[in-house]
Amino acid sequence: MGVCKVAVENGGAVMRFRNQRFVIVGGVLIALAIAFFLFFLSIASRSNNPAELMRIVGTVSGVVGGIGIAMIVAGWIGKKT
């Protein structure tokens, strides 16, 4: 499953297939990270320590978003056949 692209490596053509599953899962992870951040943003005012809560939530959202971006890039690069 994926889109084929040709890369030239050491004088010969190398076939690469994009991994659409990685791209889709990466997009879902980014959407989940944004939703998680916005959800906790709405309930932070009820917390005993809203600054610390948002620091932790921002860190978790950033890590999940970063993993999503890495998966999208890996999916676009594809794998050799």
PDB file of N, CA and C in Angstrom:
ATOM      1  N   MET A   1       0.848  -1.176   0.000  1.00  0.00           N
ATOM      2  CA  MET A   1       0.000   0.000   0.000  1.00  0.00           C
ATOM      3  C   MET A   1       0.888   1.231   0.000  1.00  0.00           C
ATOM      4  N   GLY A   2       0.754   2.087  -0.947  1.00  0.00           N
ATOM      5  CA  GLY A   2       1.520   3.310  -0.946  1.00  0.00           C
ATOM      6  C   GLY A   2       1.787   3.788  -2.348  1.00  0.00           C
ATOM      7  N   VAL A   3       2.359   4.964  -2.410  1.00  0.00           N
ATOM      8  CA  VAL A   3       2.681   5.596  -3.672  1.00  0.00           C
ATOM      9  C   VAL A   3       4.143   5.325  -3.959  1.00  0.00           C
ATOM     10  N   CYS A   4       4.427   4.934  -5.187  1.00  0.00           N
ATOM     11  CA  CYS A   4       5.794   4.610  -5.574  1.00  0.00           C
ATOM     12  C   CYS A   4       6.509   5.864  -6.058  1.00  0.00           C
ATOM     13  N   LYS A   5       7.748   6.033  -5.640  1.00  0.00           N
ATOM     14  CA  LYS A   5       8.580   7.081  -6.213  1.00  0.00           C
ATOM     15  C   LYS A   5       9.960   6.496  -6.460  1.00  0.00           C
ATOM     16  N   VAL A   6      10.646   7.035  -7.429  1.00  0.00           N
ATOM     17  CA  VAL A   6      11.946   6.510  -7.819  1.00  0.00           C
ATOM     18  C   VAL A   6      13.024   7.467  -7.354  1.00  0.00           C
ATOM     19  N   ALA A   7      14.041   6.929  -6.703  1.00  0.00           N
ATOM     20  CA  ALA A   7      15.197   7.711  -6.284  1.00  0.00           C
ATOM     21  C   ALA A   7      16.426   7.135  -6.979  1.00  0.00           C
ATOM     22  N   VAL A   8      17.337   8.003  -7.364  1.00  0.00           N
ATOM     23  CA  VAL A   8      18.563   7.550  -8.001  1.00  0.00           C
ATOM     24  C   VAL A   8      19.642   7.484  -6.931  1.00  0.00           C
ATOM     25  N   GLU A   9      20.244   6.314  -6.799  1.00  0.00           N
ATOM     26  CA  GLU A   9      21.257   6.109  -5.767  1.00  0.00           C
ATOM     27  C   GLU A   9      22.418   5.335  -6.390  1.00  0.00           C
ATOM     28  N   ASN A  10      23.597   5.897  -6.339  1.00  0.00           N
ATOM     29  CA  ASN A  10      24.812   5.280  -6.870  1.00  0.00           C
ATOM     30  C   ASN A  10      24.662   4.877  -8.334  1.00  0.00           C
ATOM     31  N   GLY A  11      24.037   5.741  -9.109  1.00  0.00           N
ATOM     32  CA  GLY A  11      23.911   5.499 -10.528  1.00  0.00           C
ATOM     33  C   GLY A  11      22.771   4.593 -10.934  1.00  0.00           C
ATOM     34  N   GLY A  12      22.081   3.979  -9.997  1.00  0.00           N
ATOM     35  CA  GLY A  12      20.964   3.082 -10.327  1.00  0.00           C
ATOM     36  C   GLY A  12      19.676   3.597  -9.696  1.00  0.00           C
ATOM     37  N   ALA A  13      18.582   3.198 -10.273  1.00  0.00           N
ATOM     38  CA  ALA A  13      17.287   3.630  -9.755  1.00  0.00           C
ATOM     39  C   ALA A  13      16.874   2.721  -8.591  1.00  0.00           C
ATOM     40  N   VAL A  14      16.413   3.333  -7.530  1.00  0.00           N
ATOM     41  CA  VAL A  14      15.937   2.601  -6.360  1.00  0.00           C
ATOM     42  C   VAL A  14      14.470   2.962  -6.174  1.00  0.00           C
ATOM     43  N   MET A  15      13.614   1.942  -6.090  1.00  0.00           N
ATOM     44  CA  MET A  15      12.197   2.190  -5.886  1.00  0.00           C
ATOM     45  C   MET A  15      11.931   2.426  -4.406  1.00  0.00           C
ATOM     46  N   ARG A  16      11.114   3.416  -4.124  1.00  0.00           N
ATOM     47  CA  ARG A  16      10.687   3.681  -2.755  1.00  0.00           C
ATOM     48  C   ARG A  16       9.167   3.740  -2.742  1.00  0.00           C
ATOM     49  N   PHE A  17       8.571   3.141  -1.720  1.00  0.00           N
ATOM     50  CA  PHE A  17       7.128   3.187  -1.549  1.00  0.00           C
ATOM     51  C   PHE A  17       6.805   3.978  -0.303  1.00  0.00           C
ATOM     52  N   ARG A  18       5.925   4.944  -0.453  1.00  0.00           N
ATOM     53  CA  ARG A  18       5.490   5.733   0.697  1.00  0.00           C
ATOM     54  C   ARG A  18       4.609   4.868   1.585  1.00  0.00           C
ATOM     55  N   ASN A  19       4.804   5.003   2.878  1.00  0.00           N
ATOM     56  CA  ASN A  19       4.015   4.249   3.831  1.00  0.00           C
ATOM     57  C   ASN A  19       2.870   5.137   4.312  1.00  0.00           C
ATOM     58  N   GLN A  20       1.712   4.978   3.674  1.00  0.00           N
ATOM     59  CA  GLN A  20       0.566   5.830   3.990  1.00  0.00           C
ATOM     60  C   GLN A  20       0.053   5.590   5.407  1.00  0.00           C
ATOM     61  N   ARG A  21       0.263   4.402   5.950  1.00  0.00           N
ATOM     62  CA  ARG A  21      -0.176   4.139   7.326  1.00  0.00           C
ATOM     63  C   ARG A  21       0.560   5.030   8.307  1.00  0.00           C
ATOM     64  N   PHE A  22       1.852   5.218   8.102  1.00  0.00           N
ATOM     65  CA  PHE A  22       2.623   6.103   8.979  1.00  0.00           C
ATOM     66  C   PHE A  22       2.108   7.529   8.887  1.00  0.00           C
ATOM     67  N   VAL A  23       1.804   7.973   7.685  1.00  0.00           N
ATOM     68  CA  VAL A  23       1.322   9.340   7.485  1.00  0.00           C
ATOM     69  C   VAL A  23      -0.026   9.536   8.180  1.00  0.00           C
ATOM     70  N   ILE A  24      -0.917   8.561   8.045  1.00  0.00           N
ATOM     71  CA  ILE A  24      -2.231   8.669   8.681  1.00  0.00           C
ATOM     72  C   ILE A  24      -2.115   8.654  10.198  1.00  0.00           C
ATOM     73  N   VAL A  25      -1.333   7.721  10.740  1.00  0.00           N
ATOM     74  CA  VAL A  25      -1.168   7.636  12.196  1.00  0.00           C
ATOM     75  C   VAL A  25      -0.488   8.896  12.728  1.00  0.00           C
ATOM     76  N   GLY A  26       0.467   9.439  11.997  1.00  0.00           N
ATOM     77  CA  GLY A  26       1.106  10.681  12.411  1.00  0.00           C
ATOM     78  C   GLY A  26       0.120  11.830  12.484  1.00  0.00           C
ATOM     79  N   GLY A  27      -0.755  11.918  11.504  1.00  0.00           N
ATOM     80  CA  GLY A  27      -1.785  12.959  11.526  1.00  0.00           C
ATOM     81  C   GLY A  27      -2.752  12.795  12.685  1.00  0.00           C
ATOM     82  N   VAL A  28      -3.117  11.552  12.978  1.00  0.00           N
ATOM     83  CA  VAL A  28      -4.004  11.284  14.116  1.00  0.00           C
ATOM     84  C   VAL A  28      -3.322  11.662  15.426  1.00  0.00           C
ATOM     85  N   LEU A  29      -2.033  11.347  15.567  1.00  0.00           N
ATOM     86  CA  LEU A  29      -1.308  11.711  16.788  1.00  0.00           C
ATOM     87  C   LEU A  29      -1.240  13.225  16.980  1.00  0.00           C
ATOM     88  N   ILE A  30      -1.036  13.957  15.892  1.00  0.00           N
ATOM     89  CA  ILE A  30      -1.002  15.419  15.998  1.00  0.00           C
ATOM     90  C   ILE A  30      -2.373  15.954  16.411  1.00  0.00           C
ATOM     91  N   ALA A  31      -3.429  15.403  15.827  1.00  0.00           N
ATOM     92  CA  ALA A  31      -4.783  15.828  16.193  1.00  0.00           C
ATOM     93  C   ALA A  31      -5.088  15.509  17.657  1.00  0.00           C
ATOM     94  N   LEU A  32      -4.662  14.339  18.131  1.00  0.00           N
ATOM     95  CA  LEU A  32      -4.870  13.974  19.532  1.00  0.00           C
ATOM     96  C   LEU A  32      -4.089  14.886  20.479  1.00  0.00           C
ATOM     97  N   ALA A  33      -2.871  15.257  20.093  1.00  0.00           N
ATOM     98  CA  ALA A  33      -2.078  16.147  20.930  1.00  0.00           C
ATOM     99  C   ALA A  33      -2.742  17.514  21.064  1.00  0.00           C
ATOM    100  N   ILE A  34      -3.270  18.028  19.970  1.00  0.00           N
ATOM    101  CA  ILE A  34      -3.953  19.328  20.007  1.00  0.00           C
ATOM    102  C   ILE A  34      -5.220  19.232  20.846  1.00  0.00           C
ATOM    103  N   ALA A  35      -5.995  18.159  20.650  1.00  0.00           N
ATOM    104  CA  ALA A  35      -7.231  17.983  21.424  1.00  0.00           C
ATOM    105  C   ALA A  35      -6.935  17.833  22.916  1.00  0.00           C
ATOM    106  N   PHE A  36      -5.893  17.086  23.256  1.00  0.00           N
ATOM    107  CA  PHE A  36      -5.492  16.899  24.653  1.00  0.00           C
ATOM    108  C   PHE A  36      -5.123  18.238  25.291  1.00  0.00           C
ATOM    109  N   PHE A  37      -4.349  19.040  24.567  1.00  0.00           N
ATOM    110  CA  PHE A  37      -3.938  20.337  25.089  1.00  0.00           C
ATOM    111  C   PHE A  37      -5.146  21.254  25.289  1.00  0.00           C
ATOM    112  N   LEU A  38      -6.021  21.312  24.300  1.00  0.00           N
ATOM    113  CA  LEU A  38      -7.193  22.198  24.405  1.00  0.00           C
ATOM    114  C   LEU A  38      -8.162  21.739  25.498  1.00  0.00           C
ATOM    115  N   PHE A  39      -8.303  20.424  25.680  1.00  0.00           N
ATOM    116  CA  PHE A  39      -9.164  19.915  26.736  1.00  0.00           C
ATOM    117  C   PHE A  39      -8.639  20.347  28.109  1.00  0.00           C
ATOM    118  N   PHE A  40      -7.350  20.165  28.339  1.00  0.00           N
ATOM    119  CA  PHE A  40      -6.801  20.546  29.639  1.00  0.00           C
ATOM    120  C   PHE A  40      -6.719  22.053  29.807  1.00  0.00           C
ATOM    121  N   LEU A  41      -6.649  22.792  28.715  1.00  0.00           N
ATOM    122  CA  LEU A  41      -6.674  24.242  28.798  1.00  0.00           C
ATOM    123  C   LEU A  41      -8.013  24.714  29.364  1.00  0.00           C
ATOM    124  N   SER A  42      -9.078  23.997  29.010  1.00  0.00           N
ATOM    125  CA  SER A  42     -10.401  24.389  29.498  1.00  0.00           C
ATOM    126  C   SER A  42     -10.624  24.032  30.958  1.00  0.00           C
ATOM    127  N   ILE A  43      -9.918  23.034  31.498  1.00  0.00           N
ATOM    128  CA  ILE A  43     -10.125  22.655  32.897  1.00  0.00           C
ATOM    129  C   ILE A  43      -8.992  23.122  33.804  1.00  0.00           C
ATOM    130  N   ALA A  44      -8.007  23.824  33.280  1.00  0.00           N
ATOM    131  CA  ALA A  44      -6.865  24.256  34.099  1.00  0.00           C
ATOM    132  C   ALA A  44      -7.271  25.275  35.154  1.00  0.00           C
ATOM    133  N   SER A  45      -8.301  26.043  34.896  1.00  0.00           N
ATOM    134  CA  SER A  45      -8.703  27.062  35.866  1.00  0.00           C
ATOM    135  C   SER A  45      -9.229  26.444  37.161  1.00  0.00           C
ATOM    136  N   ARG A  46      -9.677  25.197  37.113  1.00  0.00           N
ATOM    137  CA  ARG A  46     -10.187  24.526  38.312  1.00  0.00           C
ATOM    138  C   ARG A  46      -9.102  23.786  39.084  1.00  0.00           C
ATOM    139  N   SER A  47      -7.892  23.810  38.583  1.00  0.00           N
ATOM    140  CA  SER A  47      -6.792  23.091  39.225  1.00  0.00           C
ATOM    141  C   SER A  47      -6.224  23.903  40.380  1.00  0.00           C
ATOM    142  N   ASN A  48      -5.598  23.198  41.343  1.00  0.00           N
ATOM    143  CA  ASN A  48      -4.920  23.880  42.447  1.00  0.00           C
ATOM    144  C   ASN A  48      -3.682  24.621  41.972  1.00  0.00           C
ATOM    145  N   ASN A  49      -3.014  24.083  40.962  1.00  0.00           N
ATOM    146  CA  ASN A  49      -1.801  24.700  40.430  1.00  0.00           C
ATOM    147  C   ASN A  49      -1.885  24.677  38.899  1.00  0.00           C
ATOM    148  N   PRO A  50      -2.593  25.652  38.312  1.00  0.00           N
ATOM    149  CA  PRO A  50      -2.804  25.606  36.858  1.00  0.00           C
ATOM    150  C   PRO A  50      -1.516  25.761  36.043  1.00  0.00           C
ATOM    151  N   ALA A  51      -0.549  26.490  36.553  1.00  0.00           N
ATOM    152  CA  ALA A  51       0.692  26.670  35.796  1.00  0.00           C
ATOM    153  C   ALA A  51       1.445  25.344  35.665  1.00  0.00           C
ATOM    154  N   GLU A  52       1.520  24.595  36.742  1.00  0.00           N
ATOM    155  CA  GLU A  52       2.215  23.312  36.704  1.00  0.00           C
ATOM    156  C   GLU A  52       1.456  22.299  35.841  1.00  0.00           C
ATOM    157  N   LEU A  53       0.131  22.314  35.944  1.00  0.00           N
ATOM    158  CA  LEU A  53      -0.686  21.423  35.118  1.00  0.00           C
ATOM    159  C   LEU A  53      -0.432  21.694  33.641  1.00  0.00           C
ATOM    160  N   MET A  54      -0.443  22.951  33.249  1.00  0.00           N
ATOM    161  CA  MET A  54      -0.250  23.283  31.835  1.00  0.00           C
ATOM    162  C   MET A  54       1.183  23.026  31.380  1.00  0.00           C
ATOM    163  N   ARG A  55       2.146  23.108  32.299  1.00  0.00           N
ATOM    164  CA  ARG A  55       3.534  22.773  31.945  1.00  0.00           C
ATOM    165  C   ARG A  55       3.638  21.294  31.590  1.00  0.00           C
ATOM    166  N   ILE A  56       3.025  20.451  32.407  1.00  0.00           N
ATOM    167  CA  ILE A  56       3.069  19.012  32.161  1.00  0.00           C
ATOM    168  C   ILE A  56       2.273  18.656  30.906  1.00  0.00           C
ATOM    169  N   VAL A  57       1.085  19.240  30.764  1.00  0.00           N
ATOM    170  CA  VAL A  57       0.253  18.957  29.597  1.00  0.00           C
ATOM    171  C   VAL A  57       0.945  19.432  28.320  1.00  0.00           C
ATOM    172  N   GLY A  58       1.591  20.581  28.375  1.00  0.00           N
ATOM    173  CA  GLY A  58       2.315  21.081  27.204  1.00  0.00           C
ATOM    174  C   GLY A  58       3.476  20.185  26.819  1.00  0.00           C
ATOM    175  N   THR A  59       4.174  19.654  27.821  1.00  0.00           N
ATOM    176  CA  THR A  59       5.281  18.742  27.540  1.00  0.00           C
ATOM    177  C   THR A  59       4.777  17.460  26.878  1.00  0.00           C
ATOM    178  N   VAL A  60       3.719  16.887  27.443  1.00  0.00           N
ATOM    179  CA  VAL A  60       3.161  15.649  26.874  1.00  0.00           C
ATOM    180  C   VAL A  60       2.634  15.897  25.458  1.00  0.00           C
ATOM    181  N   SER A  61       1.918  16.990  25.263  1.00  0.00           N
ATOM    182  CA  SER A  61       1.384  17.303  23.936  1.00  0.00           C
ATOM    183  C   SER A  61       2.511  17.524  22.929  1.00  0.00           C
ATOM    184  N   GLY A  62       3.568  18.173  23.365  1.00  0.00           N
ATOM    185  CA  GLY A  62       4.706  18.404  22.478  1.00  0.00           C
ATOM    186  C   GLY A  62       5.397  17.123  22.062  1.00  0.00           C
ATOM    187  N   VAL A  63       5.546  16.202  23.004  1.00  0.00           N
ATOM    188  CA  VAL A  63       6.182  14.917  22.684  1.00  0.00           C
ATOM    189  C   VAL A  63       5.321  14.117  21.715  1.00  0.00           C
ATOM    190  N   VAL A  64       4.020  14.054  21.976  1.00  0.00           N
ATOM    191  CA  VAL A  64       3.125  13.304  21.091  1.00  0.00           C
ATOM    192  C   VAL A  64       3.081  13.955  19.705  1.00  0.00           C
ATOM    193  N   GLY A  65       3.020  15.282  19.661  1.00  0.00           N
ATOM    194  CA  GLY A  65       3.047  15.975  18.374  1.00  0.00           C
ATOM    195  C   GLY A  65       4.351  15.743  17.621  1.00  0.00           C
ATOM    196  N   GLY A  66       5.466  15.730  18.343  1.00  0.00           N
ATOM    197  CA  GLY A  66       6.762  15.464  17.710  1.00  0.00           C
ATOM    198  C   GLY A  66       6.863  14.064  17.141  1.00  0.00           C
ATOM    199  N   ILE A  67       6.324  13.092  17.872  1.00  0.00           N
ATOM    200  CA  ILE A  67       6.299  11.719  17.358  1.00  0.00           C
ATOM    201  C   ILE A  67       5.428  11.653  16.102  1.00  0.00           C
ATOM    202  N   GLY A  68       4.306  12.389  16.114  1.00  0.00           N
ATOM    203  CA  GLY A  68       3.444  12.423  14.934  1.00  0.00           C
ATOM    204  C   GLY A  68       4.147  13.009  13.725  1.00  0.00           C
ATOM    205  N   ILE A  69       4.886  14.085  13.936  1.00  0.00           N
ATOM    206  CA  ILE A  69       5.629  14.700  12.824  1.00  0.00           C
ATOM    207  C   ILE A  69       6.705  13.749  12.309  1.00  0.00           C
ATOM    208  N   ALA A  70       7.406  13.069  13.222  1.00  0.00           N
ATOM    209  CA  ALA A  70       8.438  12.115  12.806  1.00  0.00           C
ATOM    210  C   ALA A  70       7.831  10.964  12.006  1.00  0.00           C
ATOM    211  N   MET A  71       6.656  10.506  12.408  1.00  0.00           N
ATOM    212  CA  MET A  71       6.009   9.418  11.660  1.00  0.00           C
ATOM    213  C   MET A  71       5.589   9.876  10.270  1.00  0.00           C
ATOM    214  N   ILE A  72       5.110  11.114  10.156  1.00  0.00           N
ATOM    215  CA  ILE A  72       4.722  11.634   8.842  1.00  0.00           C
ATOM    216  C   ILE A  72       5.944  11.725   7.930  1.00  0.00           C
ATOM    217  N   VAL A  73       7.039  12.235   8.456  1.00  0.00           N
ATOM    218  CA  VAL A  73       8.264  12.348   7.638  1.00  0.00           C
ATOM    219  C   VAL A  73       8.763  10.963   7.225  1.00  0.00           C
ATOM    220  N   ALA A  74       8.756  10.024   8.165  1.00  0.00           N
ATOM    221  CA  ALA A  74       9.199   8.664   7.832  1.00  0.00           C
ATOM    222  C   ALA A  74       8.279   8.029   6.796  1.00  0.00           C
ATOM    223  N   GLY A  75       6.995   8.304   6.881  1.00  0.00           N
ATOM    224  CA  GLY A  75       6.066   7.765   5.900  1.00  0.00           C
ATOM    225  C   GLY A  75       6.257   8.376   4.522  1.00  0.00           C
ATOM    226  N   TRP A  76       6.571   9.666   4.477  1.00  0.00           N
ATOM    227  CA  TRP A  76       6.809  10.320   3.185  1.00  0.00           C
ATOM    228  C   TRP A  76       8.098   9.832   2.533  1.00  0.00           C
ATOM    229  N   ILE A  77       9.123   9.589   3.350  1.00  0.00           N
ATOM    230  CA  ILE A  77      10.389   9.105   2.791  1.00  0.00           C
ATOM    231  C   ILE A  77      10.183   7.719   2.195  1.00  0.00           C
ATOM    232  N   GLY A  78       9.471   6.860   2.897  1.00  0.00           N
ATOM    233  CA  GLY A  78       9.169   5.535   2.382  1.00  0.00           C
ATOM    234  C   GLY A  78      10.266   4.535   2.661  1.00  0.00           C
ATOM    235  N   LYS A  79      10.105   3.377   2.083  1.00  0.00           N
ATOM    236  CA  LYS A  79      11.105   2.318   2.268  1.00  0.00           C
ATOM    237  C   LYS A  79      11.544   1.787   0.924  1.00  0.00           C
ATOM    238  N   LYS A  80      12.772   1.286   0.880  1.00  0.00           N
ATOM    239  CA  LYS A  80      13.315   0.736  -0.358  1.00  0.00           C
ATOM    240  C   LYS A  80      12.687  -0.610  -0.640  1.00  0.00           C
ATOM    241  N   THR A  81      12.596  -0.924  -1.921  1.00  0.00           N
ATOM    242  CA  THR A  81      12.085  -2.237  -2.297  1.00  0.00           C
ATOM    243  C   THR A  81      13.157  -3.031  -2.999  1.00  0.00           C
TER     244      THR A  81
END
